[in-house]
Amino acid sequence: MGGLRSGLGSIGGMEQALSISNTTPLINFSEIGRLDLLQRLLGEIVIPPAVSGELVSKAPLFPKAAQASSEGIFAVVAPRDLLLVKSLSTNLHPGEAECLALAMERPGSLLILDDMAARETAANIGCRFAGTVGLLIQARKAGLVPSLLPLLLALRTQARFWISDRLIEQAVRSVGESFP
């Protein structure tokens, strides 16, 4: 499943839409031990080479995410338009720029992003995106997890992901759970 690929196939000459993840959501789901939720919600997760490199370089801090990447759990697909990547890199980190470029090359793709600047850029260019908290809400609504609050708290402690009390409360209430 792993390895560098320039494309994952096409239908009628059109490139297939992908679920493309940046680094932080993969770290979050891996470090709380729920990478399975991403796969159950979205199927195959694709990462560009820069994200693969970031996961490896962050292995000392986030070993579970690095291990998932090294085991080939994610398909690595490089964007073709390197000028677009370079242009996007003026305002975004390399992984985010490659994710956005890949999504632009594959219309209908879903970006998995937590970074606000990357999300704003995605919205401005018309790309679909979701973040860690939104995907956890979807998992709860789909009945894939019994409760949302423990996962949100684990993001803070295990993945070291900053999430405000207000966002936790909003997320928990959006799925009909009570907030302490």
Protein backbone atom coordinates (compact mmCIF):
# COMPACT_ATOMS: atom_id res chain seq x y z
CA MET A 1 0.00 0.00 0.00
CA GLY A 2 2.90 2.39 0.69
CA GLY A 3 5.50 3.72 -1.68
CA LEU A 4 5.60 6.74 -3.93
CA ARG A 5 2.88 6.82 -6.53
CA SER A 6 2.15 9.40 -9.16
CA GLY A 7 -1.48 8.36 -9.36
CA LEU A 8 -3.94 5.94 -7.84
CA GLY A 9 -5.96 5.34 -10.95
CA SER A 10 -8.57 7.05 -13.01
CA ILE A 11 -12.13 6.57 -14.09
CA GLY A 12 -12.89 7.40 -17.70
CA GLY A 13 -9.66 9.37 -17.99
CA MET A 14 -10.48 11.50 -14.92
CA GLU A 15 -8.33 11.28 -11.82
CA GLN A 16 -10.01 9.73 -8.80
CA ALA A 17 -10.87 11.91 -5.77
CA LEU A 18 -8.71 11.17 -2.73
CA SER A 19 -8.72 11.56 1.05
CA ILE A 20 -5.51 13.54 1.53
CA SER A 21 -4.10 14.15 5.01
CA ASN A 22 -1.66 16.63 6.39
CA THR A 23 0.64 15.68 9.27
CA THR A 24 -1.21 16.90 12.38
CA PRO A 25 -4.43 14.89 11.94
CA LEU A 26 -2.40 11.72 11.38
CA ILE A 27 -0.40 12.42 14.52
CA ASN A 28 -3.62 13.07 16.44
CA PHE A 29 -5.42 9.89 15.40
CA SER A 30 -2.28 7.74 15.71
CA GLU A 31 -1.24 9.00 19.12
CA ILE A 32 -4.71 8.45 20.64
CA GLY A 33 -4.73 4.97 19.15
CA ARG A 34 -7.67 5.59 16.81
CA LEU A 35 -6.17 5.67 13.34
CA ASP A 36 -8.79 3.05 12.54
CA LEU A 37 -11.48 5.75 12.70
CA LEU A 38 -9.93 7.65 9.79
CA GLN A 39 -9.78 4.48 7.75
CA ARG A 40 -13.34 3.47 8.62
CA LEU A 41 -14.73 6.92 7.80
CA LEU A 42 -12.66 7.67 4.69
CA GLY A 43 -11.07 4.46 3.40
CA GLU A 44 -7.55 4.79 2.05
CA ILE A 45 -5.66 7.83 3.30
CA VAL A 46 -3.16 9.45 0.95
CA ILE A 47 -0.23 11.62 2.00
CA PRO A 48 2.20 13.62 -0.12
CA PRO A 49 5.96 13.09 0.25
CA ALA A 50 6.44 16.15 2.48
CA VAL A 51 3.93 14.77 5.00
CA SER A 52 5.67 11.40 4.94
CA GLY A 53 8.95 13.16 5.70
CA GLU A 54 7.39 15.18 8.53
CA LEU A 55 6.01 12.03 10.15
CA VAL A 56 9.45 10.41 10.07
CA SER A 57 11.21 13.53 11.38
CA LYS A 58 8.75 13.79 14.30
CA ALA A 59 9.24 10.15 15.35
CA PRO A 60 10.90 11.04 18.68
CA LEU A 61 7.85 13.08 19.70
CA PHE A 62 5.12 11.04 18.01
CA PRO A 63 6.33 7.46 17.60
CA LYS A 64 2.93 5.91 16.80
CA ALA A 65 2.39 8.22 13.82
CA ALA A 66 5.89 7.56 12.51
CA GLN A 67 5.39 3.83 12.90
CA ALA A 68 2.09 3.93 10.96
CA SER A 69 3.83 5.80 8.16
CA SER A 70 6.82 3.43 8.06
CA GLU A 71 4.47 0.42 7.94
CA GLY A 72 2.98 1.73 4.69
CA ILE A 73 -0.50 2.37 6.09
CA PHE A 74 -0.75 5.53 3.97
CA ALA A 75 -0.33 5.69 0.20
CA VAL A 76 2.25 8.31 -0.73
CA VAL A 77 1.21 10.31 -3.79
CA ALA A 78 3.21 13.25 -5.11
CA PRO A 79 1.53 16.27 -6.65
CA ARG A 80 2.53 16.75 -10.28
CA ASP A 81 2.44 20.55 -10.45
CA LEU A 82 5.63 21.60 -8.65
CA LEU A 83 5.12 25.25 -9.57
CA LEU A 84 1.78 25.18 -7.76
CA VAL A 85 3.44 23.59 -4.74
CA LYS A 86 6.09 26.32 -4.76
CA SER A 87 3.45 29.03 -5.02
CA LEU A 88 1.41 27.59 -2.15
CA SER A 89 4.58 27.23 -0.07
CA THR A 90 4.92 31.00 0.20
CA ASN A 91 2.12 30.99 2.82
CA LEU A 92 2.00 27.36 3.96
CA HIS A 93 4.31 24.66 5.26
CA PRO A 94 5.57 22.13 2.68
CA GLY A 95 3.18 19.35 3.74
CA GLU A 96 0.16 21.64 3.58
CA ALA A 97 1.24 23.03 0.21
CA GLU A 98 1.62 19.54 -1.27
CA CYS A 99 -1.74 18.45 0.19
CA LEU A 100 -3.52 21.43 -1.36
CA ALA A 101 -1.79 21.02 -4.72
CA LEU A 102 -2.73 17.34 -4.80
CA ALA A 103 -6.35 18.18 -3.97
CA MET A 104 -6.44 20.76 -6.75
CA GLU A 105 -5.17 18.12 -9.17
CA ARG A 106 -7.87 15.70 -7.98
CA PRO A 107 -11.19 17.62 -7.89
CA GLY A 108 -13.60 16.37 -5.26
CA SER A 109 -10.83 15.20 -2.95
CA LEU A 110 -11.18 15.68 0.80
CA LEU A 111 -8.35 17.41 2.63
CA ILE A 112 -7.75 16.47 6.25
CA LEU A 113 -6.28 19.61 7.81
CA ASP A 114 -6.11 21.23 11.23
CA ASP A 115 -3.93 24.27 10.45
CA MET A 116 -6.05 27.42 10.16
CA ALA A 117 -4.02 29.00 7.34
CA ALA A 118 -4.26 25.79 5.30
CA ARG A 119 -8.01 25.56 5.96
CA GLU A 120 -8.49 29.18 4.88
CA THR A 121 -6.54 28.56 1.69
CA ALA A 122 -8.54 25.39 1.01
CA ALA A 123 -11.80 27.31 1.46
CA ASN A 124 -10.60 30.13 -0.80
CA ILE A 125 -9.74 27.74 -3.64
CA GLY A 126 -12.88 25.65 -3.24
CA CYS A 127 -11.38 22.47 -1.78
CA ARG A 128 -13.34 20.33 0.67
CA PHE A 129 -11.72 19.79 4.06
CA ALA A 130 -12.30 18.37 7.51
CA GLY A 131 -10.25 18.47 10.69
CA THR A 132 -9.55 16.16 13.57
CA VAL A 133 -12.44 17.33 15.74
CA GLY A 134 -14.93 17.27 12.87
CA LEU A 135 -13.92 13.73 11.95
CA LEU A 136 -14.22 12.59 15.56
CA ILE A 137 -17.73 14.10 15.61
CA GLN A 138 -18.54 12.15 12.43
CA ALA A 139 -17.20 8.97 14.01
CA ARG A 140 -19.42 9.49 17.08
CA LYS A 141 -22.48 10.21 14.91
CA ALA A 142 -21.75 7.08 12.86
CA GLY A 143 -21.67 5.00 16.04
CA LEU A 144 -17.99 4.14 15.66
CA VAL A 145 -17.21 5.38 19.19
CA PRO A 146 -19.42 5.31 22.27
CA SER A 147 -18.39 8.72 23.59
CA LEU A 148 -16.63 11.78 22.18
CA LEU A 149 -15.31 13.48 25.32
CA PRO A 150 -12.61 10.89 26.18
CA LEU A 151 -11.18 11.16 22.66
CA LEU A 152 -11.07 14.95 22.79
CA LEU A 153 -9.32 14.86 26.17
CA ALA A 154 -6.87 12.26 24.83
CA LEU A 155 -5.96 14.67 22.04
CA ARG A 156 -4.65 17.04 24.70
CA THR A 157 -2.77 14.51 26.79
CA GLN A 158 -1.55 11.90 24.31
CA ALA A 159 -1.22 13.84 21.05
CA ARG A 160 -0.39 17.16 22.72
CA PHE A 161 -2.97 18.84 20.46
CA TRP A 162 -4.22 22.17 21.73
CA ILE A 163 -8.00 22.29 21.86
CA SER A 164 -9.95 24.87 23.87
CA ASP A 165 -12.49 23.99 26.54
CA ARG A 166 -15.07 25.90 24.50
CA LEU A 167 -14.45 23.78 21.38
CA ILE A 168 -14.60 20.59 23.45
CA GLU A 169 -17.92 21.69 24.94
CA GLN A 170 -19.35 22.60 21.52
CA ALA A 171 -18.23 19.31 20.00
CA VAL A 172 -19.58 17.19 22.85
CA ARG A 173 -22.93 18.98 22.85
CA SER A 174 -23.20 18.67 19.04
CA VAL A 175 -23.45 14.88 19.44
CA GLY A 176 -25.93 15.06 22.32
CA GLU A 177 -23.49 14.33 25.13
CA SER A 178 -23.34 16.34 28.33
CA PHE A 179 -20.31 18.42 29.21
CA PRO A 180 -19.13 18.27 32.82
